Amino acid sequence: MYNDSIETLLLRHYGNNGPTPEVLEQRLYASVQQQVRETKQEQAFARSIRQQRISRRRAIQVVAVSTAGLGLLSAGIASVKTILTNQDGSQHAYSS
């Protein structure tokens, strides 16, 4: 579909002497105003998120959780590395 303007679409459909749809201008104005309100709400929400302060307690919790996660990841990698380096060809696989 082409990206035609409203005027072009109306002219194509109704011709030069066609009637203007009822309350077209009011509907367009209301639609634009609604978009403006939504944009302002989104901007206000983004501004409030950027301005929120984080407490020291919450910052310490985030750092502690991320450090613990990294510690667990490091321990897991070390244990996998140990398992892979300690294997020799004479070990038998466990069978069920």
C-alpha atoms as a PDB file:
ATOM      1  CA  MET A   1       0.000   0.000   0.000  1.00  0.00           C
ATOM      2  CA  TYR A   2       1.206   3.467  -0.815  1.00  0.00           C
ATOM      3  CA  ASN A   3       1.917   6.030   1.869  1.00  0.00           C
ATOM      4  CA  ASP A   4      -0.593   8.574   0.526  1.00  0.00           C
ATOM      5  CA  SER A   5      -1.880  11.552   2.441  1.00  0.00           C
ATOM      6  CA  ILE A   6      -5.490  11.695   3.585  1.00  0.00           C
ATOM      7  CA  GLU A   7      -6.234  14.334   0.976  1.00  0.00           C
ATOM      8  CA  THR A   8      -4.918  12.108  -1.819  1.00  0.00           C
ATOM      9  CA  LEU A   9      -6.963   9.149  -0.641  1.00  0.00           C
ATOM     10  CA  LEU A  10     -10.123  11.251  -0.374  1.00  0.00           C
ATOM     11  CA  LEU A  11      -9.603  12.701  -3.847  1.00  0.00           C
ATOM     12  CA  ARG A  12      -9.008   9.242  -5.294  1.00  0.00           C
ATOM     13  CA  HIS A  13     -12.142   7.848  -3.650  1.00  0.00           C
ATOM     14  CA  TYR A  14     -14.567  10.748  -3.998  1.00  0.00           C
ATOM     15  CA  GLY A  15     -13.095  12.838  -6.826  1.00  0.00           C
ATOM     16  CA  ASN A  16     -12.779  16.626  -6.918  1.00  0.00           C
ATOM     17  CA  ASN A  17     -16.447  17.276  -6.175  1.00  0.00           C
ATOM     18  CA  GLY A  18     -16.840  14.682  -3.426  1.00  0.00           C
ATOM     19  CA  PRO A  19     -18.214  15.553  -0.026  1.00  0.00           C
ATOM     20  CA  THR A  20     -15.918  15.997   2.929  1.00  0.00           C
ATOM     21  CA  PRO A  21     -16.547  13.314   5.559  1.00  0.00           C
ATOM     22  CA  GLU A  22     -18.452  14.554   8.566  1.00  0.00           C
ATOM     23  CA  VAL A  23     -16.444  15.745  11.554  1.00  0.00           C
ATOM     24  CA  LEU A  24     -13.204  14.747   9.814  1.00  0.00           C
ATOM     25  CA  GLU A  25     -11.296  17.719  11.178  1.00  0.00           C
ATOM     26  CA  GLN A  26     -12.510  17.116  14.742  1.00  0.00           C
ATOM     27  CA  ARG A  27     -11.569  13.427  14.573  1.00  0.00           C
ATOM     28  CA  LEU A  28      -8.108  14.239  13.252  1.00  0.00           C
ATOM     29  CA  TYR A  29      -7.617  16.904  15.917  1.00  0.00           C
ATOM     30  CA  ALA A  30      -8.741  14.493  18.664  1.00  0.00           C
ATOM     31  CA  SER A  31      -6.375  11.825  17.354  1.00  0.00           C
ATOM     32  CA  VAL A  32      -3.436  14.224  17.348  1.00  0.00           C
ATOM     33  CA  GLN A  33      -4.279  15.430  20.861  1.00  0.00           C
ATOM     34  CA  GLN A  34      -4.444  11.816  22.089  1.00  0.00           C
ATOM     35  CA  GLN A  35      -1.011  11.131  20.630  1.00  0.00           C
ATOM     36  CA  VAL A  36       0.349  14.258  22.310  1.00  0.00           C
ATOM     37  CA  ARG A  37      -1.058  13.131  25.685  1.00  0.00           C
ATOM     38  CA  GLU A  38       0.427   9.651  25.300  1.00  0.00           C
ATOM     39  CA  THR A  39       3.829  11.090  24.360  1.00  0.00           C
ATOM     40  CA  LYS A  40       3.795  13.409  27.374  1.00  0.00           C
ATOM     41  CA  GLN A  41       2.888  10.512  29.685  1.00  0.00           C
ATOM     42  CA  GLU A  42       5.726   8.384  28.297  1.00  0.00           C
ATOM     43  CA  GLN A  43       8.194  11.243  28.696  1.00  0.00           C
ATOM     44  CA  ALA A  44       7.046  11.897  32.270  1.00  0.00           C
ATOM     45  CA  PHE A  45       7.423   8.203  33.116  1.00  0.00           C
ATOM     46  CA  ALA A  46      10.918   8.082  31.595  1.00  0.00           C
ATOM     47  CA  ARG A  47      11.893  11.241  33.483  1.00  0.00           C
ATOM     48  CA  SER A  48      10.662   9.818  36.792  1.00  0.00           C
ATOM     49  CA  ILE A  49      12.586   6.575  36.238  1.00  0.00           C
ATOM     50  CA  ARG A  50      15.791   8.499  35.503  1.00  0.00           C
ATOM     51  CA  GLN A  51      15.370  10.653  38.596  1.00  0.00           C
ATOM     52  CA  GLN A  52      14.659   7.853  41.061  1.00  0.00           C
ATOM     53  CA  ARG A  53      17.291   7.538  43.677  1.00  0.00           C
ATOM     54  CA  ILE A  54      18.542   4.169  44.779  1.00  0.00           C
ATOM     55  CA  SER A  55      19.121   3.589  48.464  1.00  0.00           C
ATOM     56  CA  ARG A  56      22.477   2.445  49.764  1.00  0.00           C
ATOM     57  CA  ARG A  57      20.873  -0.726  51.076  1.00  0.00           C
ATOM     58  CA  ARG A  58      19.483  -1.582  47.633  1.00  0.00           C
ATOM     59  CA  ALA A  59      22.822  -0.797  45.968  1.00  0.00           C
ATOM     60  CA  ILE A  60      24.619  -3.116  48.400  1.00  0.00           C
ATOM     61  CA  GLN A  61      22.046  -5.844  47.746  1.00  0.00           C
ATOM     62  CA  VAL A  62      22.548  -5.572  43.998  1.00  0.00           C
ATOM     63  CA  VAL A  63      26.326  -5.707  44.363  1.00  0.00           C
ATOM     64  CA  ALA A  64      26.122  -8.650  46.769  1.00  0.00           C
ATOM     65  CA  VAL A  65      23.832 -10.663  44.533  1.00  0.00           C
ATOM     66  CA  SER A  66      25.935  -9.996  41.442  1.00  0.00           C
ATOM     67  CA  THR A  67      29.138 -10.866  43.336  1.00  0.00           C
ATOM     68  CA  ALA A  68      27.590 -14.089  44.634  1.00  0.00           C
ATOM     69  CA  GLY A  69      26.475 -14.963  41.118  1.00  0.00           C
ATOM     70  CA  LEU A  70      29.958 -14.381  39.770  1.00  0.00           C
ATOM     71  CA  GLY A  71      31.423 -16.457  42.604  1.00  0.00           C
ATOM     72  CA  LEU A  72      29.115 -19.368  41.809  1.00  0.00           C
ATOM     73  CA  LEU A  73      29.925 -19.091  38.124  1.00  0.00           C
ATOM     74  CA  SER A  74      33.631 -19.072  38.874  1.00  0.00           C
ATOM     75  CA  ALA A  75      33.331 -22.114  41.168  1.00  0.00           C
ATOM     76  CA  GLY A  76      31.325 -23.960  38.532  1.00  0.00           C
ATOM     77  CA  ILE A  77      33.886 -23.244  35.848  1.00  0.00           C
ATOM     78  CA  ALA A  78      36.711 -24.325  38.178  1.00  0.00           C
ATOM     79  CA  SER A  79      34.993 -27.609  39.001  1.00  0.00           C
ATOM     80  CA  VAL A  80      34.278 -28.368  35.335  1.00  0.00           C
ATOM     81  CA  LYS A  81      37.888 -27.556  34.516  1.00  0.00           C
ATOM     82  CA  THR A  82      39.061 -29.871  37.306  1.00  0.00           C
ATOM     83  CA  ILE A  83      36.831 -32.682  36.092  1.00  0.00           C
ATOM     84  CA  LEU A  84      38.036 -32.311  32.529  1.00  0.00           C
ATOM     85  CA  THR A  85      41.750 -32.124  33.420  1.00  0.00           C
ATOM     86  CA  ASN A  86      41.678 -35.047  35.906  1.00  0.00           C
ATOM     87  CA  GLN A  87      40.178 -37.545  33.507  1.00  0.00           C
ATOM     88  CA  ASP A  88      42.512 -40.207  32.192  1.00  0.00           C
ATOM     89  CA  GLY A  89      41.909 -42.943  29.688  1.00  0.00           C
ATOM     90  CA  SER A  90      41.836 -45.766  32.294  1.00  0.00           C
ATOM     91  CA  GLN A  91      38.663 -44.608  34.084  1.00  0.00           C
ATOM     92  CA  HIS A  92      35.537 -46.564  33.351  1.00  0.00           C
ATOM     93  CA  ALA A  93      32.257 -44.876  32.713  1.00  0.00           C
ATOM     94  CA  TYR A  94      29.536 -45.453  35.260  1.00  0.00           C
ATOM     95  CA  SER A  95      26.838 -47.800  34.032  1.00  0.00           C
ATOM     96  CA  SER A  96      23.335 -47.973  35.318  1.00  0.00           C
END
